[in-house]
Protein backbone atom coordinates (compact mmCIF):
# COMPACT_ATOMS: atom_id res chain seq x y z
CA MET A 1 12.15 -32.56 28.31
CA ALA A 2 9.34 -31.80 30.39
CA ARG A 3 9.60 -28.70 32.51
CA ALA A 4 9.36 -28.49 36.18
CA LYS A 5 7.02 -26.57 38.11
CA GLY A 6 8.60 -23.70 38.89
CA GLU A 7 10.38 -23.25 35.50
CA LYS A 8 10.56 -20.26 33.44
CA LEU A 9 12.74 -20.16 30.44
CA ILE A 10 15.14 -17.10 29.90
CA THR A 11 16.87 -18.23 26.59
CA ASP A 12 17.53 -21.21 24.72
CA ASN A 13 20.72 -21.94 22.59
CA ARG A 14 19.08 -23.87 19.44
CA ARG A 15 22.29 -23.41 17.85
CA ALA A 16 24.14 -25.71 20.02
CA ARG A 17 21.64 -28.73 18.62
CA HIS A 18 22.75 -27.90 15.08
CA ASP A 19 26.15 -27.50 16.05
CA PHE A 20 27.04 -30.55 18.51
CA HIS A 21 26.19 -33.94 18.96
CA LEU A 22 24.65 -33.42 22.59
CA LEU A 23 25.41 -36.35 24.60
CA ASP A 24 24.71 -35.74 28.52
CA ARG A 25 22.70 -33.07 30.16
CA PHE A 26 22.88 -31.48 33.65
CA GLU A 27 21.87 -28.76 35.78
CA ALA A 28 24.08 -26.32 37.56
CA GLY A 29 23.65 -22.83 39.26
CA LEU A 30 25.59 -19.47 38.54
CA VAL A 31 26.94 -17.18 40.70
CA LEU A 32 25.59 -13.52 39.48
CA ALA A 33 24.91 -9.66 40.64
CA GLY A 34 21.61 -8.68 41.76
CA THR A 35 21.83 -6.27 38.34
CA GLU A 36 22.19 -9.39 36.40
CA VAL A 37 19.30 -11.10 37.78
CA LYS A 38 17.57 -8.03 37.08
CA ALA A 39 18.65 -7.86 33.47
CA LEU A 40 17.82 -11.67 33.00
CA ARG A 41 14.14 -10.76 34.42
CA ASP A 42 13.84 -8.72 31.68
CA GLY A 43 15.19 -11.58 28.89
CA LYS A 44 18.11 -9.37 28.08
CA SER A 45 20.76 -12.82 27.56
CA THR A 46 22.24 -14.10 25.11
CA LEU A 47 23.72 -18.05 24.91
CA GLN A 48 25.01 -17.76 21.35
CA GLN A 49 29.11 -18.03 21.93
CA ALA A 50 28.98 -19.27 25.28
CA TYR A 51 30.81 -22.45 26.65
CA ALA A 52 32.15 -23.60 30.06
CA GLU A 53 35.42 -24.57 31.29
CA VAL A 54 36.84 -25.84 34.17
CA ARG A 55 40.06 -23.81 35.51
CA GLU A 56 42.17 -24.44 38.81
CA GLY A 57 38.99 -26.76 40.10
CA GLU A 58 36.22 -24.50 39.40
CA ALA A 59 33.62 -24.49 36.11
CA TRP A 60 33.28 -21.08 34.58
CA LEU A 61 30.75 -19.96 32.14
CA VAL A 62 32.43 -17.69 29.50
CA GLY A 63 30.62 -15.63 26.86
CA LEU A 64 27.39 -15.47 28.40
CA HIS A 65 26.21 -12.03 27.23
CA ILE A 66 23.76 -10.33 29.75
CA ALA A 67 23.03 -6.51 28.79
CA GLU A 68 23.12 -3.93 31.53
CA TYR A 69 20.29 -3.18 33.61
CA GLY A 70 18.13 -0.17 32.40
CA GLN A 71 17.87 1.17 35.96
CA GLY A 72 21.14 0.30 37.14
CA ASN A 73 23.62 2.85 38.29
CA ARG A 74 27.47 2.89 38.34
CA ALA A 75 27.63 -0.29 40.17
CA ASN A 76 26.09 -2.25 36.78
CA HIS A 77 27.56 -5.40 36.04
CA ASP A 78 30.14 -6.07 33.37
CA PRO A 79 27.99 -7.58 30.59
CA ASP A 80 30.34 -10.21 29.13
CA ARG A 81 32.44 -11.13 32.46
CA PRO A 82 33.19 -15.03 33.26
CA ARG A 83 30.92 -16.40 35.29
CA LYS A 84 31.33 -18.97 38.40
CA LEU A 85 28.84 -22.20 38.13
CA LEU A 86 27.94 -24.05 40.75
CA LEU A 87 28.38 -28.05 40.96
CA HIS A 88 29.80 -30.22 43.20
CA ARG A 89 33.30 -31.22 43.33
CA ARG A 90 32.38 -34.91 42.20
CA GLU A 91 30.71 -33.26 38.97
CA ILE A 92 33.25 -31.16 38.12
CA ASP A 93 36.08 -33.68 38.24
CA ARG A 94 33.92 -35.81 35.96
CA LEU A 95 33.58 -33.20 33.63
CA TYR A 96 37.01 -32.25 33.53
CA GLY A 97 37.96 -35.95 32.83
CA GLN A 98 35.86 -36.17 29.86
CA MET A 99 36.91 -32.92 28.28
CA ARG A 100 40.37 -33.87 28.42
CA GLU A 101 40.27 -37.24 27.63
CA LYS A 102 37.41 -37.58 24.79
CA GLY A 103 37.88 -34.02 23.40
CA LEU A 104 34.40 -32.86 24.33
CA THR A 105 33.00 -29.87 25.26
CA LEU A 106 30.62 -28.09 27.39
CA VAL A 107 27.96 -26.33 25.84
CA PRO A 108 25.21 -24.35 27.75
CA THR A 109 21.54 -24.91 26.27
CA ARG A 110 19.21 -23.31 28.59
CA LEU A 111 19.13 -20.42 30.61
CA TYR A 112 15.83 -20.13 33.08
CA PHE A 113 14.68 -19.78 36.64
CA LYS A 114 13.77 -22.48 38.64
CA ASP A 115 11.98 -21.74 41.92
CA GLY A 116 13.18 -18.13 42.18
CA ARG A 117 17.31 -19.13 41.37
CA VAL A 118 19.05 -19.05 37.74
CA LYS A 119 19.80 -22.29 36.42
CA VAL A 120 21.83 -23.35 33.33
CA GLU A 121 21.69 -26.31 31.51
CA LEU A 122 24.72 -27.66 30.49
CA ALA A 123 25.58 -30.31 27.74
CA VAL A 124 28.53 -32.38 27.16
CA ALA A 125 28.63 -31.98 23.77
CA LYS A 126 30.95 -33.28 20.53
CA GLY A 127 31.42 -31.02 17.36
CA LYS A 128 29.39 -32.20 14.25
CA ASP A 129 31.09 -32.12 10.89
CA LEU A 130 30.04 -30.08 7.77
CA HIS A 131 28.47 -33.30 6.57
CA ASP A 132 26.65 -34.32 9.40
CA LYS A 133 25.13 -30.86 9.58
CA ARG A 134 23.86 -31.06 5.99
CA ARG A 135 22.73 -34.81 6.51
CA GLY A 136 20.57 -33.38 9.60
CA ILE A 137 19.15 -30.67 7.36
CA ALA A 138 18.33 -32.82 4.90
CA GLU A 139 16.55 -35.48 6.78
CA ARG A 140 14.30 -32.25 8.47
CA GLU A 141 13.38 -31.26 4.77
CA ALA A 142 12.53 -34.79 3.97
CA ARG A 143 10.48 -35.15 7.02
CA ARG A 144 8.42 -32.05 6.44
CA GLU A 145 7.58 -33.00 2.81
CA MET A 146 6.72 -36.48 4.05
CA ASP A 147 4.16 -34.75 6.52
CA ARG A 148 2.96 -32.29 3.83
CA GLN A 149 2.41 -35.37 1.43
CA LEU A 150 0.51 -37.45 4.30
CA LYS A 151 -1.59 -33.89 5.01
CA SER A 152 -2.56 -33.65 1.53
CA VAL A 153 -3.43 -37.47 1.01
CA ARG A 154 -5.65 -37.17 4.56
CA ARG A 155 -7.96 -34.35 3.37
């Protein structure tokens, strides 16, 4: 996916591509405290265990770890608190329906700055079975081996 002009990647969740079939992607804003934004500018965050959920008509990002800001005072943020996602009502309703009916989940794939604001890319995802993961690994290794063979033939 091509990056927009004002985007700066903070963190990427590569594990999501391994564990899930990513179906539909969209962008959401995040409600953050000042020290959280400063910690994100330092690149101190991880998306590995994060997921999104809809409760009481609001979307929340749970499990996003943003380390405490080093120069923060006693008003520093809680590193593992749930953070509210900024989405339109129609988007929240549609996602809630998909999650309930089809057994899908919302997985954050990227966290980035876009024109000075923190955005998260969410993907509607379906969990992979163990044999799907193994098949993906085997296909990737076969592709690498073919590339190696082609490279040696060209020389």
